[in-house]
């Protein structure tokens, strides 16, 4: 009985599996509901058009934010540098921003939050997947802009 301790966490799933099956899934749950598609028939908005579709964007964004905490569980950080924690926190913050903007049905804020999610992911991947040294965390850049 009592509160959970570090020993109570079950962390058998590798980070790569969490990324591929949970974080990616929910990131695309946000990204696939925002932006514009331009084709031979013109420009088409991808944003939700019903309350239920906006709710799906909210759900994906909130799940993404909470999943970022799973990256901080024992054995998951890739090294003992603070960068891993900062990247996870950037993803959390971007996920909550996306959730809040979806709840308000604010297309531009939702789109901008998608850019923040992308930047958080890209900076972390640049360091831990590609091995480059990324730019500063939280750099003031526009949506879809990657600082490397």
N, C-alpha and C. Protein backbone atom coordinates (compact mmCIF):
# COMPACT_ATOMS: atom_id res chain seq x y z
N UNK A 1 0.84 -1.18 0.00
CA UNK A 1 0.00 0.00 0.00
C UNK A 1 0.87 1.24 0.00
N UNK A 2 0.25 2.35 -0.17
CA UNK A 2 0.98 3.60 -0.17
C UNK A 2 1.22 4.13 -1.57
N UNK A 3 1.92 5.23 -1.62
CA UNK A 3 2.20 5.89 -2.88
C UNK A 3 3.16 5.08 -3.74
N UNK A 4 3.10 5.30 -5.03
CA UNK A 4 4.02 4.64 -5.96
C UNK A 4 5.44 5.13 -5.72
N UNK A 5 6.38 4.26 -5.92
CA UNK A 5 7.79 4.61 -5.82
C UNK A 5 8.45 4.31 -7.17
N UNK A 6 9.69 4.70 -7.31
CA UNK A 6 10.45 4.42 -8.54
C UNK A 6 10.40 2.93 -8.86
N UNK A 7 10.47 2.09 -7.86
CA UNK A 7 10.48 0.65 -8.07
C UNK A 7 9.16 0.13 -8.66
N UNK A 8 8.10 0.90 -8.55
CA UNK A 8 6.80 0.48 -9.06
C UNK A 8 6.63 0.68 -10.57
N UNK A 9 7.48 1.47 -11.19
CA UNK A 9 7.35 1.72 -12.63
C UNK A 9 7.79 0.50 -13.42
N UNK A 10 7.04 0.20 -14.43
CA UNK A 10 7.38 -0.90 -15.34
C UNK A 10 7.83 -0.27 -16.65
N UNK A 11 9.08 -0.49 -16.99
CA UNK A 11 9.66 0.20 -18.15
C UNK A 11 10.36 -0.76 -19.11
N UNK A 12 9.74 -1.91 -19.35
CA UNK A 12 10.37 -2.91 -20.23
C UNK A 12 10.37 -2.49 -21.70
N UNK A 13 9.43 -1.63 -22.09
CA UNK A 13 9.38 -1.21 -23.49
C UNK A 13 10.51 -0.24 -23.80
N UNK A 14 11.27 -0.51 -24.86
CA UNK A 14 12.35 0.40 -25.22
C UNK A 14 11.81 1.73 -25.77
N UNK A 15 12.59 2.78 -25.64
CA UNK A 15 12.20 4.10 -26.10
C UNK A 15 11.80 4.06 -27.58
N UNK A 16 12.53 3.31 -28.40
CA UNK A 16 12.21 3.23 -29.83
C UNK A 16 10.78 2.74 -30.06
N UNK A 17 10.33 1.80 -29.25
CA UNK A 17 8.96 1.29 -29.37
C UNK A 17 7.94 2.33 -28.91
N UNK A 18 8.24 3.03 -27.85
CA UNK A 18 7.33 4.08 -27.35
C UNK A 18 7.21 5.18 -28.40
N UNK A 19 8.34 5.54 -28.98
CA UNK A 19 8.32 6.57 -30.04
C UNK A 19 7.48 6.10 -31.22
N UNK A 20 7.76 4.92 -31.72
CA UNK A 20 7.11 4.44 -32.93
C UNK A 20 5.63 4.12 -32.77
N UNK A 21 5.25 3.66 -31.60
CA UNK A 21 3.88 3.21 -31.42
C UNK A 21 2.98 4.17 -30.66
N UNK A 22 3.55 5.07 -29.91
CA UNK A 22 2.71 5.96 -29.11
C UNK A 22 2.96 7.44 -29.42
N UNK A 23 4.20 7.87 -29.34
CA UNK A 23 4.49 9.29 -29.56
C UNK A 23 4.26 9.66 -31.02
N UNK A 24 4.79 8.88 -31.95
CA UNK A 24 4.55 9.17 -33.37
C UNK A 24 3.05 9.14 -33.68
N UNK A 25 2.36 8.14 -33.19
CA UNK A 25 0.93 7.99 -33.46
C UNK A 25 0.17 9.25 -33.04
N UNK A 26 0.45 9.75 -31.85
CA UNK A 26 -0.27 10.92 -31.36
C UNK A 26 0.22 12.21 -32.00
N UNK A 27 1.50 12.27 -32.37
CA UNK A 27 1.99 13.45 -33.11
C UNK A 27 1.23 13.58 -34.43
N UNK A 28 1.11 12.46 -35.13
CA UNK A 28 0.37 12.49 -36.39
C UNK A 28 -1.12 12.70 -36.16
N UNK A 29 -1.61 12.34 -34.98
CA UNK A 29 -2.99 12.64 -34.63
C UNK A 29 -3.24 14.13 -34.55
N UNK A 30 -2.19 14.90 -34.26
CA UNK A 30 -2.28 16.37 -34.30
C UNK A 30 -2.02 16.86 -35.72
N UNK A 31 -0.87 16.47 -36.28
CA UNK A 31 -0.45 17.01 -37.59
C UNK A 31 -1.43 16.70 -38.71
N UNK A 32 -2.07 15.54 -38.69
CA UNK A 32 -3.01 15.19 -39.76
C UNK A 32 -4.32 15.98 -39.68
N UNK A 33 -4.47 16.77 -38.64
CA UNK A 33 -5.68 17.58 -38.47
C UNK A 33 -5.38 19.06 -38.60
N UNK A 34 -4.31 19.40 -39.29
CA UNK A 34 -3.97 20.81 -39.41
C UNK A 34 -3.26 21.09 -40.73
N UNK A 35 -3.36 22.33 -41.15
CA UNK A 35 -2.67 22.77 -42.34
C UNK A 35 -3.57 22.81 -43.56
N UNK A 36 -2.91 22.84 -44.70
CA UNK A 36 -3.60 22.99 -45.97
C UNK A 36 -2.97 22.04 -46.98
N UNK A 37 -3.78 21.56 -47.88
CA UNK A 37 -3.33 20.73 -48.98
C UNK A 37 -3.66 21.48 -50.26
N UNK A 38 -2.66 21.63 -51.11
CA UNK A 38 -2.88 22.30 -52.39
C UNK A 38 -2.67 21.27 -53.48
N UNK A 39 -3.69 21.11 -54.30
CA UNK A 39 -3.60 20.16 -55.41
C UNK A 39 -4.24 20.78 -56.66
N UNK A 40 -4.45 20.00 -57.66
CA UNK A 40 -5.01 20.50 -58.93
C UNK A 40 -6.40 21.11 -58.75
N UNK A 41 -7.11 20.70 -57.70
CA UNK A 41 -8.45 21.23 -57.45
C UNK A 41 -8.45 22.47 -56.56
N UNK A 42 -7.27 22.91 -56.14
CA UNK A 42 -7.19 24.11 -55.30
C UNK A 42 -6.65 23.81 -53.93
N UNK A 43 -6.97 24.72 -53.01
CA UNK A 43 -6.49 24.63 -51.63
C UNK A 43 -7.57 24.03 -50.74
N UNK A 44 -7.18 23.08 -49.90
CA UNK A 44 -8.12 22.40 -49.01
C UNK A 44 -7.58 22.46 -47.58
N UNK A 45 -8.40 22.90 -46.65
CA UNK A 45 -8.00 22.91 -45.24
C UNK A 45 -8.09 21.50 -44.67
N UNK A 46 -7.14 21.17 -43.82
CA UNK A 46 -7.14 19.87 -43.14
C UNK A 46 -7.66 19.98 -41.71
N UNK A 47 -7.96 21.18 -41.26
CA UNK A 47 -8.41 21.38 -39.89
C UNK A 47 -9.76 20.70 -39.64
N UNK A 48 -9.99 20.33 -38.40
CA UNK A 48 -11.28 19.73 -38.05
C UNK A 48 -12.44 20.66 -38.41
N UNK A 49 -13.56 20.05 -38.73
CA UNK A 49 -14.76 20.84 -39.07
C UNK A 49 -15.93 20.55 -38.12
N UNK A 50 -15.78 19.53 -37.29
CA UNK A 50 -16.85 19.19 -36.35
C UNK A 50 -16.28 19.17 -34.93
N UNK A 51 -17.15 19.24 -33.96
CA UNK A 51 -16.72 19.15 -32.56
C UNK A 51 -15.99 17.83 -32.30
N UNK A 52 -16.49 16.76 -32.88
CA UNK A 52 -15.87 15.45 -32.67
C UNK A 52 -14.45 15.42 -33.25
N UNK A 53 -14.23 16.03 -34.40
CA UNK A 53 -12.89 16.07 -34.99
C UNK A 53 -11.94 16.92 -34.16
N UNK A 54 -12.42 18.06 -33.66
CA UNK A 54 -11.59 18.88 -32.78
C UNK A 54 -11.24 18.11 -31.50
N UNK A 55 -12.19 17.36 -30.99
CA UNK A 55 -11.94 16.56 -29.79
C UNK A 55 -10.85 15.53 -30.05
N UNK A 56 -10.85 14.92 -31.24
CA UNK A 56 -9.79 13.96 -31.57
C UNK A 56 -8.42 14.63 -31.58
N UNK A 57 -8.35 15.86 -32.06
CA UNK A 57 -7.09 16.62 -32.00
C UNK A 57 -6.68 16.90 -30.57
N UNK A 58 -7.64 17.26 -29.74
CA UNK A 58 -7.38 17.49 -28.31
C UNK A 58 -6.84 16.23 -27.64
N UNK A 59 -7.48 15.11 -27.92
CA UNK A 59 -7.10 13.83 -27.30
C UNK A 59 -5.67 13.46 -27.70
N UNK A 60 -5.35 13.58 -28.98
CA UNK A 60 -4.00 13.25 -29.45
C UNK A 60 -2.96 14.16 -28.81
N UNK A 61 -3.27 15.44 -28.71
CA UNK A 61 -2.32 16.40 -28.13
C UNK A 61 -2.10 16.13 -26.65
N UNK A 62 -3.16 15.86 -25.91
CA UNK A 62 -3.02 15.58 -24.48
C UNK A 62 -2.26 14.27 -24.26
N UNK A 63 -2.56 13.27 -25.06
CA UNK A 63 -1.83 12.00 -24.95
C UNK A 63 -0.35 12.21 -25.23
N UNK A 64 -0.04 13.01 -26.24
CA UNK A 64 1.35 13.30 -26.56
C UNK A 64 2.05 13.99 -25.40
N UNK A 65 1.41 14.96 -24.81
CA UNK A 65 2.00 15.66 -23.66
C UNK A 65 2.29 14.67 -22.54
N UNK A 66 1.33 13.85 -22.20
CA UNK A 66 1.53 12.91 -21.10
C UNK A 66 2.55 11.84 -21.44
N UNK A 67 2.60 11.43 -22.69
CA UNK A 67 3.60 10.43 -23.10
C UNK A 67 5.01 10.98 -22.97
N UNK A 68 5.18 12.28 -23.09
CA UNK A 68 6.52 12.85 -22.94
C UNK A 68 7.09 12.56 -21.55
N UNK A 69 6.21 12.46 -20.56
CA UNK A 69 6.68 12.10 -19.21
C UNK A 69 7.22 10.68 -19.15
N UNK A 70 6.70 9.80 -19.99
CA UNK A 70 7.19 8.42 -19.99
C UNK A 70 8.65 8.34 -20.43
N UNK A 71 9.10 9.35 -21.16
CA UNK A 71 10.50 9.38 -21.61
C UNK A 71 11.47 9.67 -20.46
N UNK A 72 10.93 10.11 -19.33
CA UNK A 72 11.75 10.48 -18.18
C UNK A 72 11.82 9.39 -17.12
N UNK A 73 11.11 8.28 -17.34
CA UNK A 73 11.12 7.20 -16.36
C UNK A 73 12.51 6.56 -16.28
N UNK A 74 12.82 5.94 -15.17
CA UNK A 74 14.14 5.32 -14.99
C UNK A 74 14.51 4.40 -16.15
N UNK A 75 15.73 4.56 -16.62
CA UNK A 75 16.25 3.73 -17.70
C UNK A 75 15.93 4.25 -19.09
N UNK A 76 15.10 5.27 -19.21
CA UNK A 76 14.72 5.76 -20.52
C UNK A 76 15.62 6.88 -21.06
N UNK A 77 16.05 7.84 -20.25
CA UNK A 77 16.92 8.89 -20.80
C UNK A 77 18.17 8.29 -21.45
N UNK A 78 18.56 8.86 -22.59
CA UNK A 78 19.68 8.33 -23.36
C UNK A 78 21.04 8.63 -22.73
N UNK A 79 21.10 9.63 -21.88
CA UNK A 79 22.35 9.97 -21.21
C UNK A 79 22.01 10.73 -19.93
N UNK A 80 23.02 11.20 -19.24
CA UNK A 80 22.77 11.91 -18.00
C UNK A 80 22.79 13.43 -18.18
N UNK A 81 22.70 13.86 -19.42
CA UNK A 81 22.67 15.29 -19.72
C UNK A 81 21.26 15.83 -19.49
N UNK A 82 21.17 17.08 -19.16
CA UNK A 82 19.87 17.72 -18.93
C UNK A 82 19.07 17.88 -20.23
N UNK A 83 19.75 17.81 -21.37
CA UNK A 83 19.07 18.02 -22.65
C UNK A 83 17.89 17.08 -22.84
N UNK A 84 18.05 15.81 -22.48
CA UNK A 84 16.96 14.84 -22.64
C UNK A 84 15.70 15.32 -21.91
N UNK A 85 15.88 15.78 -20.69
CA UNK A 85 14.76 16.27 -19.88
C UNK A 85 14.16 17.51 -20.54
N UNK A 86 15.01 18.41 -21.00
CA UNK A 86 14.53 19.64 -21.63
C UNK A 86 13.73 19.34 -22.90
N UNK A 87 14.19 18.38 -23.70
CA UNK A 87 13.45 18.01 -24.90
C UNK A 87 12.09 17.41 -24.54
N UNK A 88 12.06 16.55 -23.55
CA UNK A 88 10.79 15.96 -23.11
C UNK A 88 9.84 17.04 -22.61
N UNK A 89 10.38 18.01 -21.87
CA UNK A 89 9.54 19.10 -21.38
C UNK A 89 9.03 19.99 -22.52
N UNK A 90 9.87 20.21 -23.55
CA UNK A 90 9.43 20.99 -24.71
C UNK A 90 8.27 20.28 -25.42
N UNK A 91 8.36 18.97 -25.52
CA UNK A 91 7.28 18.19 -26.13
C UNK A 91 6.01 18.28 -25.28
N UNK A 92 6.17 18.19 -23.98
CA UNK A 92 5.02 18.31 -23.07
C UNK A 92 4.33 19.67 -23.26
N UNK A 93 5.13 20.73 -23.23
CA UNK A 93 4.57 22.08 -23.36
C UNK A 93 3.86 22.26 -24.70
N UNK A 94 4.49 21.78 -25.78
CA UNK A 94 3.88 21.90 -27.11
C UNK A 94 2.59 21.09 -27.20
N UNK A 95 2.58 19.91 -26.60
CA UNK A 95 1.37 19.09 -26.58
C UNK A 95 0.23 19.78 -25.86
N UNK A 96 0.54 20.39 -24.71
CA UNK A 96 -0.52 21.10 -23.98
C UNK A 96 -1.01 22.31 -24.74
N UNK A 97 -0.11 23.02 -25.41
CA UNK A 97 -0.51 24.17 -26.22
C UNK A 97 -1.43 23.71 -27.34
N UNK A 98 -1.09 22.60 -27.98
CA UNK A 98 -1.95 22.06 -29.05
C UNK A 98 -3.31 21.67 -28.49
N UNK A 99 -3.33 21.05 -27.32
CA UNK A 99 -4.60 20.65 -26.71
C UNK A 99 -5.48 21.87 -26.43
N UNK A 100 -4.87 22.89 -25.83
CA UNK A 100 -5.62 24.10 -25.49
C UNK A 100 -6.17 24.79 -26.74
N UNK A 101 -5.36 24.86 -27.79
CA UNK A 101 -5.81 25.53 -29.01
C UNK A 101 -6.89 24.71 -29.72
N UNK A 102 -6.80 23.38 -29.65
CA UNK A 102 -7.84 22.53 -30.24
C UNK A 102 -9.15 22.71 -29.46
N UNK A 103 -9.04 22.82 -28.14
CA UNK A 103 -10.24 23.01 -27.32
C UNK A 103 -10.94 24.33 -27.68
N UNK A 104 -10.15 25.32 -28.07
CA UNK A 104 -10.70 26.63 -28.46
C UNK A 104 -11.07 26.68 -29.94
N UNK A 105 -10.72 25.60 -30.66
CA UNK A 105 -10.94 25.55 -32.11
C UNK A 105 -10.24 26.70 -32.82
N UNK A 106 -9.05 27.02 -32.35
CA UNK A 106 -8.23 28.11 -32.88
C UNK A 106 -7.26 27.52 -33.90
N UNK A 107 -7.61 27.61 -35.17
CA UNK A 107 -6.83 26.98 -36.23
C UNK A 107 -5.38 27.44 -36.24
N UNK A 108 -5.14 28.75 -36.17
CA UNK A 108 -3.77 29.25 -36.27
C UNK A 108 -2.94 28.81 -35.07
N UNK A 109 -3.51 28.89 -33.88
CA UNK A 109 -2.77 28.46 -32.68
C UNK A 109 -2.51 26.96 -32.71
N UNK A 110 -3.47 26.20 -33.19
CA UNK A 110 -3.31 24.75 -33.32
C UNK A 110 -2.20 24.43 -34.31
N UNK A 111 -2.19 25.13 -35.44
CA UNK A 111 -1.15 24.95 -36.44
C UNK A 111 0.22 25.32 -35.87
N UNK A 112 0.30 26.45 -35.18
CA UNK A 112 1.57 26.88 -34.58
C UNK A 112 2.06 25.87 -33.54
N UNK A 113 1.15 25.31 -32.76
CA UNK A 113 1.52 24.29 -31.77
C UNK A 113 2.06 23.04 -32.46
N UNK A 114 1.51 22.71 -33.62
CA UNK A 114 2.04 21.59 -34.40
C UNK A 114 3.48 21.85 -34.79
N UNK A 115 3.80 23.10 -35.11
CA UNK A 115 5.19 23.47 -35.40
C UNK A 115 6.08 23.33 -34.19
N UNK A 116 5.55 23.67 -33.01
CA UNK A 116 6.32 23.51 -31.77
C UNK A 116 6.59 22.03 -31.49
N UNK A 117 5.60 21.19 -31.74
CA UNK A 117 5.79 19.75 -31.57
C UNK A 117 6.88 19.26 -32.52
N UNK A 118 6.79 19.68 -33.77
CA UNK A 118 7.80 19.29 -34.76
C UNK A 118 9.20 19.72 -34.33
N UNK A 119 9.32 20.97 -33.87
CA UNK A 119 10.63 21.46 -33.45
C UNK A 119 11.17 20.68 -32.25
N UNK A 120 10.31 20.38 -31.28
CA UNK A 120 10.75 19.61 -30.12
C UNK A 120 11.27 18.24 -30.56
N UNK A 121 10.53 17.59 -31.44
CA UNK A 121 10.93 16.26 -31.92
C UNK A 121 12.23 16.34 -32.71
N UNK A 122 12.31 17.30 -33.61
CA UNK A 122 13.48 17.40 -34.48
C UNK A 122 14.75 17.70 -33.70
N UNK A 123 14.68 18.59 -32.75
CA UNK A 123 15.87 18.92 -31.95
C UNK A 123 16.37 17.69 -31.19
N UNK A 124 15.45 16.96 -30.61
CA UNK A 124 15.84 15.75 -29.87
C UNK A 124 16.42 14.71 -30.83
N UNK A 125 15.76 14.51 -31.96
CA UNK A 125 16.25 13.53 -32.93
C UNK A 125 17.61 13.93 -33.49
N UNK A 126 17.82 15.24 -33.70
CA UNK A 126 19.13 15.68 -34.18
C UNK A 126 20.23 15.27 -33.22
N UNK A 127 19.97 15.36 -31.95
CA UNK A 127 21.00 15.02 -30.97
C UNK A 127 21.12 13.52 -30.73
N UNK A 128 19.98 12.85 -30.55
CA UNK A 128 20.03 11.46 -30.10
C UNK A 128 19.87 10.42 -31.20
N UNK A 129 19.36 10.79 -32.34
CA UNK A 129 19.21 9.82 -33.43
C UNK A 129 20.29 10.07 -34.49
N UNK A 130 20.40 11.32 -34.93
CA UNK A 130 21.38 11.67 -35.96
C UNK A 130 22.75 11.89 -35.35
N UNK A 131 22.80 12.47 -34.16
CA UNK A 131 24.07 12.71 -33.48
C UNK A 131 24.63 14.10 -33.69
N UNK A 132 23.89 14.97 -34.36
CA UNK A 132 24.34 16.36 -34.51
C UNK A 132 24.06 17.12 -33.23
N UNK A 133 24.62 18.29 -33.12
CA UNK A 133 24.31 19.15 -32.00
C UNK A 133 23.24 20.12 -32.45
N UNK A 134 22.03 20.02 -31.88
CA UNK A 134 20.94 20.89 -32.30
C UNK A 134 21.09 22.29 -31.73
N UNK A 135 20.25 23.18 -32.23
CA UNK A 135 20.22 24.53 -31.71
C UNK A 135 19.61 24.56 -30.32
N UNK A 136 19.48 25.75 -29.77
CA UNK A 136 18.96 25.88 -28.41
C UNK A 136 17.52 25.42 -28.29
N UNK A 137 17.20 24.87 -27.15
CA UNK A 137 15.84 24.43 -26.88
C UNK A 137 14.97 25.66 -26.70
N UNK A 138 13.82 25.65 -27.34
CA UNK A 138 12.88 26.75 -27.17
C UNK A 138 13.27 28.00 -27.93
N UNK A 139 14.11 27.89 -28.95
CA UNK A 139 14.51 29.05 -29.73
C UNK A 139 13.26 29.67 -30.36
N UNK A 140 13.21 30.98 -30.41
CA UNK A 140 12.04 31.66 -30.93
C UNK A 140 11.98 31.61 -32.45
N UNK A 141 11.47 30.53 -32.97
CA UNK A 141 11.35 30.37 -34.42
C UNK A 141 9.89 30.13 -34.77
N UNK A 142 9.56 30.29 -36.02
CA UNK A 142 8.19 30.10 -36.46
C UNK A 142 7.84 28.64 -36.65
N UNK A 143 6.57 28.35 -36.89
CA UNK A 143 6.11 26.98 -37.08
C UNK A 143 6.84 26.32 -38.25
N UNK A 144 7.20 25.08 -38.04
CA UNK A 144 7.85 24.32 -39.10
C UNK A 144 9.31 24.68 -39.29
N UNK A 145 9.85 25.62 -38.53
CA UNK A 145 11.25 26.01 -38.66
C UNK A 145 12.07 25.18 -37.70
N UNK A 146 13.14 24.63 -38.19
CA UNK A 146 14.00 23.79 -37.37
C UNK A 146 15.33 24.52 -37.15
N UNK A 147 15.72 24.63 -35.91
CA UNK A 147 17.00 25.25 -35.60
C UNK A 147 18.01 24.15 -35.36
N UNK A 148 19.05 24.11 -36.18
CA UNK A 148 20.12 23.11 -36.01
C UNK A 148 21.46 23.79 -35.96
